[in-house]
């Protein structure tokens, strides 16, 4: 069971709206994450090697969110709320705590738009609230003529193969199960797409695997794909770089030397690699006719009820 903690604030205001995720605000109802993805940027000594052991639920988050959103709404400071930026909103414990559902009820009450980012199939539970938010949310300044929807749902995939995901994101919902709920979300008519973050060098960013991913998502008619390569931090025993290198050594020993070389002096892949990566992603976006930005996606409701 997670620890129960109280916090002094829950709504985080971004200095600038992100071009990819469109977040004006973020909320994280849980601290740490039971999905335990090896590449996660929040990793480190604060959480330990097993993120699930440090999982906490912010028990007073809903009361705080109600007060903070009421204040923002009173000042007409509407903006898109990303749920969540540093954990997943639909962890297994949310089946019992229902923190995300309670937060969505408050978000609906104050008519804020929302962007759900998840690896979980539990989002299906909250379709009713997300439909209401989609219809009633106030679109924030600067997006009135670009975005017609109040709810966005993005699913995170680093691979569509269960056997790869089992290594690098052992606690997360399997990609095969995730794909089933992607179908359900699209059939409900939500504006929905895929965050392909991070793609793993020489494992899931190969030409073969990229075409598998793009064709898989094209078949489902997702509205957008947001691809990014990996960033690995730290050299401590609980840091993402250490854990990823350990996994590479065990499961992909032929790639160990490459990974060590690339991340020896920094957290990012070399610039020439990143330039080639994003050039390839632009080409695939054009080839499969899938936008690489949410604002370039069609806002129409496909198969909407």
Protein backbone atom coordinates (compact mmCIF):
# COMPACT_ATOMS: atom_id res chain seq x y z
CA UNK A 1 0.00 0.00 0.00
CA UNK A 2 1.20 3.55 -0.69
CA UNK A 3 2.07 6.05 1.97
CA UNK A 4 -0.55 8.73 2.61
CA UNK A 5 0.79 12.26 2.69
CA UNK A 6 -0.56 15.81 2.69
CA UNK A 7 0.79 18.58 0.47
CA UNK A 8 0.53 22.37 0.46
CA UNK A 9 -0.23 22.76 -3.25
CA UNK A 10 -1.32 20.49 -6.11
CA UNK A 11 -1.74 22.74 -9.16
CA UNK A 12 1.52 23.66 -10.88
CA UNK A 13 1.50 26.62 -13.29
CA UNK A 14 3.88 26.32 -16.23
CA UNK A 15 5.84 29.39 -17.29
CA UNK A 16 5.17 28.60 -20.94
CA UNK A 17 2.73 26.27 -22.67
CA UNK A 18 4.58 23.25 -24.07
CA UNK A 19 4.34 22.88 -27.86
CA UNK A 20 3.82 19.12 -27.65
CA UNK A 21 1.65 18.55 -24.60
CA UNK A 22 -0.04 21.98 -24.47
CA UNK A 23 0.19 22.06 -20.69
CA UNK A 24 -0.60 25.31 -18.93
CA UNK A 25 -0.93 23.48 -15.62
CA UNK A 26 0.11 20.09 -14.30
CA UNK A 27 -1.12 18.01 -11.40
CA UNK A 28 0.35 14.86 -9.86
CA UNK A 29 -1.99 13.13 -7.45
CA UNK A 30 0.61 10.52 -6.59
CA UNK A 31 4.31 10.79 -5.83
CA UNK A 32 6.58 8.19 -7.47
CA UNK A 33 5.14 5.50 -9.76
CA UNK A 34 4.45 1.78 -9.54
CA UNK A 35 5.00 1.26 -13.28
CA UNK A 36 8.73 1.28 -12.51
CA UNK A 37 9.96 2.21 -16.01
CA UNK A 38 13.76 2.01 -16.04
CA UNK A 39 14.14 5.09 -18.23
CA UNK A 40 11.90 7.36 -16.13
CA UNK A 41 13.34 10.83 -15.58
CA UNK A 42 12.09 11.06 -11.97
CA UNK A 43 14.39 8.25 -10.88
CA UNK A 44 17.12 8.78 -8.30
CA UNK A 45 18.04 8.34 -4.66
CA UNK A 46 14.88 10.14 -3.53
CA UNK A 47 12.73 7.28 -4.81
CA UNK A 48 15.09 4.33 -4.83
CA UNK A 49 15.50 1.59 -7.40
CA UNK A 50 11.96 0.26 -6.98
CA UNK A 51 9.66 3.24 -7.49
CA UNK A 52 6.64 1.29 -6.25
CA UNK A 53 8.09 1.10 -2.74
CA UNK A 54 8.19 4.91 -2.51
CA UNK A 55 4.69 5.46 -3.91
CA UNK A 56 2.62 8.05 -2.02
CA UNK A 57 -0.93 9.30 -2.40
CA UNK A 58 -1.63 12.98 -1.75
CA UNK A 59 -4.74 12.60 0.37
CA UNK A 60 -5.68 16.30 0.49
CA UNK A 61 -5.08 16.87 -3.22
CA UNK A 62 -8.76 17.09 -4.22
CA UNK A 63 -9.62 19.73 -1.63
CA UNK A 64 -6.59 21.77 -2.68
CA UNK A 65 -7.38 21.38 -6.36
CA UNK A 66 -10.93 22.63 -5.82
CA UNK A 67 -9.68 25.76 -4.08
CA UNK A 68 -6.89 26.45 -6.56
CA UNK A 69 -9.04 25.96 -9.65
CA UNK A 70 -11.83 28.07 -8.18
CA UNK A 71 -9.34 30.88 -7.72
CA UNK A 72 -7.97 30.51 -11.26
CA UNK A 73 -11.45 30.34 -12.78
CA UNK A 74 -12.51 33.46 -10.88
CA UNK A 75 -9.60 35.29 -12.51
CA UNK A 76 -10.43 33.74 -15.91
CA UNK A 77 -7.04 32.01 -15.94
CA UNK A 78 -8.16 28.95 -17.85
CA UNK A 79 -5.57 26.55 -19.21
CA UNK A 80 -5.03 22.93 -20.13
CA UNK A 81 -4.26 20.71 -17.15
CA UNK A 82 -1.94 17.77 -17.82
CA UNK A 83 -2.68 14.76 -15.64
CA UNK A 84 0.02 13.66 -14.86
CA UNK A 85 3.51 14.99 -15.59
CA UNK A 86 5.67 13.05 -13.11
CA UNK A 87 3.71 9.85 -12.55
CA UNK A 88 0.78 8.04 -14.18
CA UNK A 89 -2.77 9.15 -13.30
CA UNK A 90 -4.06 5.58 -13.55
CA UNK A 91 -1.75 3.54 -11.35
CA UNK A 92 -3.18 0.31 -9.97
CA UNK A 93 -3.84 1.95 -6.59
CA UNK A 94 -6.17 4.42 -8.30
CA UNK A 95 -8.71 1.59 -8.55
CA UNK A 96 -9.08 1.95 -4.78
CA UNK A 97 -8.29 5.62 -4.15
CA UNK A 98 -9.99 6.99 -7.31
CA UNK A 99 -7.95 10.17 -6.96
CA UNK A 100 -7.93 10.77 -10.70
CA UNK A 101 -11.69 10.38 -11.00
CA UNK A 102 -12.23 12.80 -8.10
CA UNK A 103 -9.81 15.27 -9.71
CA UNK A 104 -11.67 15.06 -13.02
CA UNK A 105 -14.92 15.85 -11.21
CA UNK A 106 -13.33 19.02 -9.82
CA UNK A 107 -11.83 19.90 -13.22
CA UNK A 108 -15.28 19.47 -14.79
CA UNK A 109 -16.87 21.61 -12.07
CA UNK A 110 -14.56 24.52 -12.90
CA UNK A 111 -14.62 23.88 -16.68
CA UNK A 112 -10.89 23.46 -17.27
CA UNK A 113 -9.65 21.48 -20.28
CA UNK A 114 -7.56 18.40 -19.55
CA UNK A 115 -4.85 16.32 -21.18
CA UNK A 116 -4.52 12.78 -19.83
CA UNK A 117 -1.15 11.07 -20.39
CA UNK A 118 -1.11 7.42 -19.40
CA UNK A 119 0.23 3.91 -19.94
CA UNK A 120 -2.83 2.37 -18.30
CA UNK A 121 -6.14 0.89 -19.46
CA UNK A 122 -7.92 2.21 -16.34
CA UNK A 123 -8.75 5.45 -18.19
CA UNK A 124 -11.82 3.63 -19.55
CA UNK A 125 -13.43 3.98 -16.14
CA UNK A 126 -13.63 7.76 -16.53
CA UNK A 127 -15.00 8.08 -20.07
CA UNK A 128 -18.20 9.65 -18.71
CA UNK A 129 -16.39 12.54 -17.03
CA UNK A 130 -13.97 13.02 -19.91
CA UNK A 131 -16.88 13.33 -22.35
CA UNK A 132 -18.42 16.04 -20.18
CA UNK A 133 -15.11 17.90 -19.92
CA UNK A 134 -14.66 17.57 -23.67
CA UNK A 135 -17.96 19.37 -24.24
CA UNK A 136 -17.93 22.00 -21.50
CA UNK A 137 -14.31 23.09 -20.95
CA UNK A 138 -13.28 26.67 -21.62
CA UNK A 139 -10.55 26.71 -24.29
CA UNK A 140 -7.67 28.88 -23.03
CA UNK A 141 -6.40 32.07 -24.70
CA UNK A 142 -4.29 31.46 -27.77
CA UNK A 143 -5.95 28.16 -28.61
CA UNK A 144 -9.51 29.30 -29.36
CA UNK A 145 -9.12 28.91 -33.12
CA UNK A 146 -6.75 25.94 -32.98
CA UNK A 147 -8.36 23.51 -30.54
CA UNK A 148 -12.03 22.58 -30.46
CA UNK A 149 -11.86 19.91 -27.78
CA UNK A 150 -11.75 20.08 -23.99
CA UNK A 151 -10.28 16.61 -23.41
CA UNK A 152 -7.14 15.09 -24.93
CA UNK A 153 -5.98 11.55 -24.17
CA UNK A 154 -2.44 10.47 -24.99
CA UNK A 155 -1.10 6.96 -24.50
CA UNK A 156 2.60 6.49 -23.87
CA UNK A 157 4.43 3.76 -25.82
CA UNK A 158 8.15 3.09 -26.07
CA UNK A 159 7.37 -0.11 -27.96
CA UNK A 160 4.38 -2.13 -29.15
CA UNK A 161 6.06 -5.42 -28.29
CA UNK A 162 5.18 -6.94 -24.91
CA UNK A 163 8.51 -8.75 -24.61
CA UNK A 164 10.47 -5.49 -24.88
CA UNK A 165 8.15 -3.58 -22.55
CA UNK A 166 8.51 -6.31 -19.92
CA UNK A 167 12.22 -5.47 -19.67
CA UNK A 168 12.08 -1.67 -19.60
CA UNK A 169 8.66 -0.88 -18.07
CA UNK A 170 7.94 -3.98 -15.95
CA UNK A 171 5.07 -2.58 -13.88
CA UNK A 172 3.14 -0.88 -16.69
CA UNK A 173 0.11 -2.17 -18.57
CA UNK A 174 1.27 -4.39 -21.44
CA UNK A 175 1.34 -2.68 -24.87
CA UNK A 176 -1.09 -5.27 -26.24
CA UNK A 177 -3.61 -4.35 -23.52
CA UNK A 178 -2.87 -0.66 -24.00
CA UNK A 179 -3.69 -0.96 -27.69
CA UNK A 180 -7.11 -2.37 -26.85
CA UNK A 181 -7.99 0.68 -24.77
CA UNK A 182 -6.58 2.98 -27.49
CA UNK A 183 -9.20 1.44 -29.77
CA UNK A 184 -11.92 2.10 -27.20
CA UNK A 185 -10.85 5.72 -26.69
CA UNK A 186 -10.88 6.38 -30.44
CA UNK A 187 -14.22 4.66 -30.88
CA UNK A 188 -15.60 6.95 -28.17
CA UNK A 189 -14.62 9.88 -30.36
CA UNK A 190 -11.97 11.43 -28.13
CA UNK A 191 -9.08 13.45 -29.52
CA UNK A 192 -6.36 10.89 -28.86
CA UNK A 193 -2.87 10.00 -29.98
CA UNK A 194 0.40 8.46 -28.95
CA UNK A 195 3.39 9.77 -27.04
CA UNK A 196 6.27 7.65 -28.37
CA UNK A 197 8.55 8.75 -25.58
CA UNK A 198 11.15 7.51 -25.25
CA UNK A 199 12.09 5.41 -28.22
CA UNK A 200 15.04 3.21 -27.28
CA UNK A 201 18.18 3.56 -29.44
CA UNK A 202 18.87 0.51 -31.63
CA UNK A 203 15.93 -1.34 -30.03
CA UNK A 204 12.69 0.48 -30.77
CA UNK A 205 13.98 3.25 -33.03
CA UNK A 206 15.18 0.85 -35.73
CA UNK A 207 13.61 1.19 -39.16
CA UNK A 208 11.79 -2.11 -38.77
CA UNK A 209 10.35 -1.29 -35.36
CA UNK A 210 9.41 2.27 -36.32
CA UNK A 211 7.43 1.04 -39.32
CA UNK A 212 5.74 -1.49 -37.04
CA UNK A 213 4.74 1.26 -34.61
CA UNK A 214 3.64 3.75 -37.26
CA UNK A 215 1.62 1.16 -39.15
CA UNK A 216 0.04 -0.10 -35.91
CA UNK A 217 -1.11 3.39 -34.98
CA UNK A 218 -2.04 4.36 -38.55
CA UNK A 219 -4.38 1.37 -38.68
CA UNK A 220 -6.14 2.73 -35.61
CA UNK A 221 -6.36 6.25 -37.06
CA UNK A 222 -4.79 7.97 -34.08
CA UNK A 223 -4.88 11.75 -34.31
CA UNK A 224 -1.17 12.38 -33.71
CA UNK A 225 2.16 10.76 -32.83
CA UNK A 226 4.70 12.52 -30.62
CA UNK A 227 8.11 10.82 -30.99
CA UNK A 228 11.21 11.51 -28.89
CA UNK A 229 14.49 9.80 -28.18
CA UNK A 230 15.78 8.93 -24.74
CA UNK A 231 17.38 11.01 -21.99
CA UNK A 232 19.14 9.22 -19.14
CA UNK A 233 20.23 10.84 -15.90
CA UNK A 234 22.63 10.04 -13.09
CA UNK A 235 25.20 7.44 -12.16
CA UNK A 236 23.78 6.35 -8.81
CA UNK A 237 22.38 2.85 -8.24
CA UNK A 238 18.78 4.08 -8.56
CA UNK A 239 19.28 6.45 -11.51
CA UNK A 240 17.84 5.84 -14.96
CA UNK A 241 21.22 5.69 -16.71
CA UNK A 242 22.49 3.03 -14.32
CA UNK A 243 19.35 0.89 -14.54
CA UNK A 244 19.10 1.16 -18.32
CA UNK A 245 22.75 0.17 -18.80
CA UNK A 246 22.22 -2.76 -16.46
CA UNK A 247 19.24 -3.92 -18.52
CA UNK A 248 21.10 -3.44 -21.79
CA UNK A 249 24.02 -5.47 -20.44
CA UNK A 250 21.68 -8.32 -19.53
CA UNK A 251 19.28 -8.36 -22.48
CA UNK A 252 21.15 -6.62 -25.31
CA UNK A 253 24.85 -7.17 -24.55
CA UNK A 254 25.77 -6.36 -28.16
CA UNK A 255 24.56 -2.79 -27.56
CA UNK A 256 26.30 -2.17 -24.24
CA UNK A 257 29.42 -0.55 -25.71
CA UNK A 258 27.31 1.80 -27.84
CA UNK A 259 25.15 2.90 -24.90
CA UNK A 260 28.17 3.44 -22.65
CA UNK A 261 29.84 5.53 -25.33
CA UNK A 262 26.81 7.66 -26.05
CA UNK A 263 25.96 8.39 -22.41
CA UNK A 264 29.46 8.50 -20.97
CA UNK A 265 29.61 12.27 -20.65
CA UNK A 266 26.00 13.36 -20.75
CA UNK A 267 22.31 12.56 -20.48
CA UNK A 268 21.40 12.83 -24.17
CA UNK A 269 22.27 11.04 -27.36
CA UNK A 270 24.83 12.95 -29.50
CA UNK A 271 23.51 15.88 -31.52
CA UNK A 272 24.14 14.20 -34.86
CA UNK A 273 22.06 11.23 -33.72
CA UNK A 274 19.22 13.46 -32.50
CA UNK A 275 19.23 15.42 -35.77
CA UNK A 276 19.02 12.21 -37.79
CA UNK A 277 16.36 10.85 -35.44
CA UNK A 278 14.01 13.82 -35.83
CA UNK A 279 14.62 13.98 -39.57
CA UNK A 280 13.51 10.35 -39.77
CA UNK A 281 10.45 11.08 -37.61
CA UNK A 282 9.39 13.94 -39.89
CA UNK A 283 9.72 11.63 -42.88
CA UNK A 284 7.60 8.94 -41.21
CA UNK A 285 5.02 11.49 -40.17
CA UNK A 286 4.67 12.53 -43.81
CA UNK A 287 4.78 8.96 -45.13
CA UNK A 288 2.01 7.74 -42.83
CA UNK A 289 0.15 11.06 -42.84
CA UNK A 290 0.02 11.29 -39.06
CA UNK A 291 0.65 14.74 -37.54
CA UNK A 292 3.50 15.09 -35.04
CA UNK A 293 1.75 17.82 -33.09
CA UNK A 294 -1.63 17.81 -31.35
CA UNK A 295 -2.62 21.15 -32.84
CA UNK A 296 -2.12 19.72 -36.33
CA UNK A 297 -4.55 16.88 -35.63
CA UNK A 298 -8.11 16.86 -36.84
CA UNK A 299 -10.55 17.91 -34.13
CA UNK A 300 -13.55 16.10 -35.57
CA UNK A 301 -15.15 13.31 -33.55
CA UNK A 302 -14.58 9.98 -35.26
CA UNK A 303 -17.30 7.46 -34.54
CA UNK A 304 -18.58 9.70 -31.77
CA UNK A 305 -21.71 8.60 -30.00
